[in-house]
Amino acid sequence: MNTSTTRILLWGALPYAVLAVVIVGTIWRYRYDKFGWTTRSSQLYESRLLRIASPLFHFGLLFVILGHIGGLLIPQSWTDAAGVSDHTYHLVALVTGSAAGAATLAGIALLVYRRRTTGPVFLATTRNDKLMYVFLGGAIAAGLIATLTNAASLDHNYRQTVSPWLRSLFYLHPDVDLMEKTPGVFQAHILIAFALFALFPFSRLVHAFSAPVGYLFRPYIVYRSRDPKTLGPRAPRRGWERVG
């Protein structure tokens, strides 16, 4: 397989194949595994470390995602038009991206440590969970390394390669030549992220697609005591009573 064919497969065909896996896999999971659509919470087994690791991971990951949206989907011409210099942009991206990536990676490390050292949590850990942690940690670590190495050398502007390549995927006309100019650490980060996305529908990460919208519209739950002391002189009636 020549270089041109490999480039087309990796940066032209693979993104759409991963997207198809995510869509079809999510539909399949929702249809045939609704009861498995959960994080399989282990808070009951251990909560001290979880209270630290979970916010670190979730809030760190939220800012990582927001940073990727801002850095990859917003063209450089827009920030230039807004008066944001290239130096200022990269400085803000370095500080915020490094902090968010470090928090996310620390959260993952604590979650893995908790699973490995807490007996009941470790017994509840599946092979799928272990594989998910490998790719999740690998994607975050590769992104953090790419951010730091690029900041140290400043010899590559990903907003002129990775960003327009990603946007070209939405136009259904992928510009695969742009990825040939991208350093290997950025390519590794993207490929690991692709593997994570393909695993997404089949792992506990699928709970990210769930939102407790139903809680906003559910009826109130009425609690009534059967203790005669709290009910006063009125004797409790058997069965259900009308409310209101």
Protein backbone atom coordinates (compact mmCIF):
# COMPACT_ATOMS: atom_id res chain seq x y z
CA MET A 1 0.00 0.00 0.00
CA ASN A 2 1.56 3.28 -1.10
CA THR A 3 1.71 6.47 0.93
CA SER A 4 -1.07 8.18 -1.00
CA THR A 5 -3.51 5.32 -0.40
CA THR A 6 -2.64 5.18 3.31
CA ARG A 7 -3.18 8.92 3.63
CA ILE A 8 -6.60 8.66 1.97
CA LEU A 9 -7.66 5.74 4.17
CA LEU A 10 -6.49 7.32 7.43
CA TRP A 11 -7.59 10.91 6.93
CA GLY A 12 -10.31 10.55 4.30
CA ALA A 13 -12.16 7.27 4.91
CA LEU A 14 -11.46 6.43 8.56
CA PRO A 15 -13.26 9.47 10.07
CA TYR A 16 -16.50 8.56 8.29
CA ALA A 17 -16.14 4.90 9.23
CA VAL A 18 -15.73 5.88 12.89
CA LEU A 19 -18.76 8.18 12.66
CA ALA A 20 -20.82 5.31 11.22
CA VAL A 21 -19.72 3.03 14.07
CA VAL A 22 -20.68 5.67 16.64
CA ILE A 23 -24.16 6.22 15.13
CA VAL A 24 -25.02 2.58 14.42
CA GLY A 25 -23.43 1.36 17.64
CA THR A 26 -25.32 3.89 19.75
CA ILE A 27 -28.66 2.97 18.14
CA TRP A 28 -27.93 -0.73 18.63
CA ARG A 29 -26.90 -0.21 22.25
CA TYR A 30 -30.02 1.79 23.02
CA ARG A 31 -32.30 -0.73 21.36
CA TYR A 32 -30.83 -3.94 22.72
CA ASP A 33 -29.09 -2.90 25.95
CA LYS A 34 -31.19 -0.19 27.60
CA PHE A 35 -30.59 -1.62 31.05
CA GLY A 36 -26.85 -1.54 30.41
CA TRP A 37 -26.95 2.13 29.41
CA THR A 38 -25.34 3.22 32.66
CA THR A 39 -22.04 4.07 34.30
CA ARG A 40 -22.49 1.09 36.66
CA SER A 41 -21.82 3.41 39.58
CA SER A 42 -19.48 2.08 42.28
CA GLN A 43 -19.96 4.96 44.69
CA LEU A 44 -21.53 2.56 47.19
CA TYR A 45 -18.22 0.69 47.49
CA GLU A 46 -15.93 3.73 47.88
CA SER A 47 -16.69 7.43 47.88
CA ARG A 48 -13.68 9.25 49.39
CA LEU A 49 -11.45 9.05 46.31
CA LEU A 50 -14.43 9.29 43.99
CA ARG A 51 -15.36 12.71 45.41
CA ILE A 52 -11.96 13.98 44.25
CA ALA A 53 -11.41 12.00 41.05
CA SER A 54 -14.85 12.39 39.47
CA PRO A 55 -14.99 16.23 39.48
CA LEU A 56 -11.37 16.42 38.31
CA PHE A 57 -12.12 14.13 35.39
CA HIS A 58 -15.54 15.47 34.37
CA PHE A 59 -14.82 19.20 34.68
CA GLY A 60 -11.37 18.77 33.14
CA LEU A 61 -12.85 16.84 30.22
CA LEU A 62 -15.56 19.48 29.75
CA PHE A 63 -12.94 22.20 29.30
CA VAL A 64 -10.88 19.93 27.03
CA ILE A 65 -13.92 19.47 24.78
CA LEU A 66 -14.68 23.21 24.78
CA GLY A 67 -11.05 23.94 23.93
CA HIS A 68 -11.16 21.52 21.01
CA ILE A 69 -14.37 23.10 19.72
CA GLY A 70 -12.86 26.57 19.91
CA GLY A 71 -9.48 25.59 18.47
CA LEU A 72 -10.62 23.27 15.68
CA LEU A 73 -13.96 24.61 14.50
CA ILE A 74 -13.33 28.36 14.72
CA PRO A 75 -11.20 29.51 11.74
CA GLN A 76 -8.07 31.53 12.39
CA SER A 77 -9.44 34.32 10.21
CA TRP A 78 -12.22 34.86 12.78
CA THR A 79 -9.84 35.33 15.70
CA ASP A 80 -7.63 37.56 13.55
CA ALA A 81 -10.66 39.68 12.67
CA ALA A 82 -11.53 39.91 16.38
CA GLY A 83 -8.07 41.36 17.07
CA VAL A 84 -6.68 38.31 18.87
CA SER A 85 -3.00 38.01 18.01
CA ASP A 86 -1.46 34.64 17.21
CA HIS A 87 0.79 34.88 20.28
CA THR A 88 -2.14 35.64 22.60
CA TYR A 89 -4.22 32.82 21.15
CA HIS A 90 -1.49 30.21 21.58
CA LEU A 91 -0.64 31.47 25.08
CA VAL A 92 -4.28 31.15 26.21
CA ALA A 93 -4.59 27.76 24.50
CA LEU A 94 -1.40 26.56 26.19
CA VAL A 95 -2.39 27.65 29.70
CA THR A 96 -6.02 26.58 29.61
CA GLY A 97 -5.39 23.43 27.57
CA SER A 98 -2.55 22.27 29.79
CA ALA A 99 -4.56 22.88 32.96
CA ALA A 100 -7.63 21.09 31.60
CA GLY A 101 -5.59 18.19 30.23
CA ALA A 102 -3.63 17.81 33.45
CA ALA A 103 -6.83 17.83 35.54
CA THR A 104 -8.45 15.25 33.29
CA LEU A 105 -5.38 13.02 33.32
CA ALA A 106 -5.10 13.31 37.11
CA GLY A 107 -8.77 12.38 37.42
CA ILE A 108 -8.27 9.31 35.21
CA ALA A 109 -5.20 8.28 37.22
CA LEU A 110 -7.13 8.53 40.49
CA LEU A 111 -10.07 6.60 39.04
CA VAL A 112 -7.77 3.82 37.84
CA TYR A 113 -5.94 3.78 41.19
CA ARG A 114 -9.28 3.55 42.99
CA ARG A 115 -10.42 0.67 40.82
CA ARG A 116 -7.16 -1.19 41.31
CA THR A 117 -6.90 -0.76 45.07
CA THR A 118 -10.55 -1.05 46.14
CA GLY A 119 -11.53 -4.72 46.11
CA PRO A 120 -15.26 -4.50 45.28
CA VAL A 121 -14.64 -1.82 42.65
CA PHE A 122 -11.88 -3.90 41.04
CA LEU A 123 -14.14 -6.97 40.92
CA ALA A 124 -16.81 -4.88 39.17
CA THR A 125 -14.32 -3.73 36.51
CA THR A 126 -14.73 -5.42 33.13
CA ARG A 127 -12.24 -5.91 30.31
CA ASN A 128 -14.21 -3.32 28.38
CA ASP A 129 -13.60 -0.83 31.22
CA LYS A 130 -9.86 -1.52 31.16
CA LEU A 131 -9.70 -1.04 27.38
CA MET A 132 -11.70 2.17 27.68
CA TYR A 133 -9.32 3.57 30.29
CA VAL A 134 -6.32 2.75 28.07
CA PHE A 135 -7.67 4.67 25.07
CA LEU A 136 -9.14 7.48 27.17
CA GLY A 137 -5.90 8.03 29.06
CA GLY A 138 -3.88 7.62 25.86
CA ALA A 139 -5.92 10.23 23.99
CA ILE A 140 -5.63 12.78 26.80
CA ALA A 141 -1.91 12.10 27.32
CA ALA A 142 -1.16 12.36 23.58
CA GLY A 143 -3.10 15.63 23.38
CA LEU A 144 -1.25 17.05 26.36
CA ILE A 145 2.11 16.04 24.89
CA ALA A 146 1.16 17.60 21.55
CA THR A 147 0.19 20.84 23.29
CA LEU A 148 3.40 21.07 25.30
CA THR A 149 5.80 20.04 22.52
CA ASN A 150 4.17 22.42 20.06
CA ALA A 151 4.39 25.26 22.58
CA ALA A 152 8.09 24.53 23.13
CA SER A 153 9.01 24.66 19.44
CA LEU A 154 6.24 26.81 17.90
CA ASP A 155 7.14 25.34 14.51
CA HIS A 156 3.65 24.13 13.71
CA ASN A 157 0.32 25.94 13.62
CA TYR A 158 -2.41 23.31 13.86
CA ARG A 159 -5.00 25.93 12.92
CA GLN A 160 -3.57 25.82 9.41
CA THR A 161 -3.49 22.01 9.12
CA VAL A 162 -5.60 20.00 11.57
CA SER A 163 -8.38 22.57 11.91
CA PRO A 164 -9.11 23.06 8.18
CA TRP A 165 -8.79 19.28 7.65
CA LEU A 166 -11.43 18.66 10.32
CA ARG A 167 -13.75 21.28 8.87
CA SER A 168 -13.29 19.78 5.40
CA LEU A 169 -14.82 16.54 6.74
CA PHE A 170 -18.08 18.39 7.36
CA TYR A 171 -18.04 19.56 3.74
CA LEU A 172 -17.70 15.90 2.64
CA HIS A 173 -14.50 16.85 0.83
CA PRO A 174 -11.62 15.86 3.15
CA ASP A 175 -8.36 17.62 2.42
CA VAL A 176 -6.05 14.72 3.29
CA ASP A 177 -2.93 16.54 2.08
CA LEU A 178 -3.13 18.86 5.09
CA MET A 179 -2.51 15.96 7.47
CA GLU A 180 0.74 15.10 5.69
CA LYS A 181 2.16 18.36 7.06
CA THR A 182 1.04 17.56 10.61
CA PRO A 183 3.61 16.30 13.17
CA GLY A 184 3.37 12.67 14.26
CA VAL A 185 2.30 13.51 17.82
CA PHE A 186 -0.83 15.26 16.50
CA GLN A 187 -1.55 12.34 14.18
CA ALA A 188 -1.17 9.87 17.07
CA HIS A 189 -3.53 11.94 19.19
CA ILE A 190 -6.17 11.91 16.44
CA LEU A 191 -5.86 8.18 15.73
CA ILE A 192 -6.14 7.27 19.42
CA ALA A 193 -9.18 9.55 19.65
CA PHE A 194 -10.72 7.71 16.66
CA ALA A 195 -10.25 4.39 18.47
CA LEU A 196 -11.87 5.87 21.59
CA PHE A 197 -14.85 7.16 19.57
CA ALA A 198 -15.32 3.73 17.98
CA LEU A 199 -15.35 2.16 21.45
CA PHE A 200 -17.65 4.84 22.84
CA PRO A 201 -21.07 3.24 22.14
CA PHE A 202 -19.98 -0.10 23.59
CA SER A 203 -18.52 1.21 26.85
CA ARG A 204 -19.77 2.94 29.96
CA LEU A 205 -18.96 6.26 28.26
CA VAL A 206 -22.25 5.97 26.37
CA HIS A 207 -23.99 7.48 29.40
CA ALA A 208 -22.72 10.87 28.15
CA PHE A 209 -25.56 10.75 25.60
CA SER A 210 -28.13 10.54 28.38
CA ALA A 211 -29.76 13.57 29.95
CA PRO A 212 -32.28 13.42 32.80
CA VAL A 213 -34.85 15.50 30.89
CA GLY A 214 -37.70 13.44 32.31
CA TYR A 215 -36.97 14.70 35.80
CA LEU A 216 -38.11 18.16 34.74
CA PHE A 217 -41.60 16.92 33.91
CA ARG A 218 -42.20 14.06 36.36
CA PRO A 219 -44.99 14.52 38.93
CA TYR A 220 -44.22 15.27 42.54
CA ILE A 221 -43.76 12.32 44.85
CA VAL A 222 -45.91 12.59 47.96
CA TYR A 223 -44.51 11.10 51.16
CA ARG A 224 -46.85 10.56 54.09
CA SER A 225 -46.03 9.21 57.48
CA ARG A 226 -47.85 6.31 59.13
CA ASP A 227 -46.60 7.29 62.56
CA PRO A 228 -49.64 8.14 64.78
CA LYS A 229 -47.54 10.74 66.64
CA THR A 230 -47.02 12.77 63.49
CA LEU A 231 -50.55 12.26 62.21
CA GLY A 232 -52.16 13.60 65.41
CA PRO A 233 -55.63 12.46 66.43
CA ARG A 234 -56.56 11.42 62.90
CA ALA A 235 -56.31 7.66 62.39
CA PRO A 236 -54.46 6.56 59.27
CA ARG A 237 -56.64 5.15 56.48
CA ARG A 238 -55.76 2.03 54.61
CA GLY A 239 -54.81 2.21 50.95
CA TRP A 240 -54.39 5.25 48.73
CA GLU A 241 -55.98 8.61 49.42
CA ARG A 242 -56.75 11.41 47.00
CA VAL A 243 -54.32 14.31 47.02
CA GLY A 244 -55.60 17.85 46.62
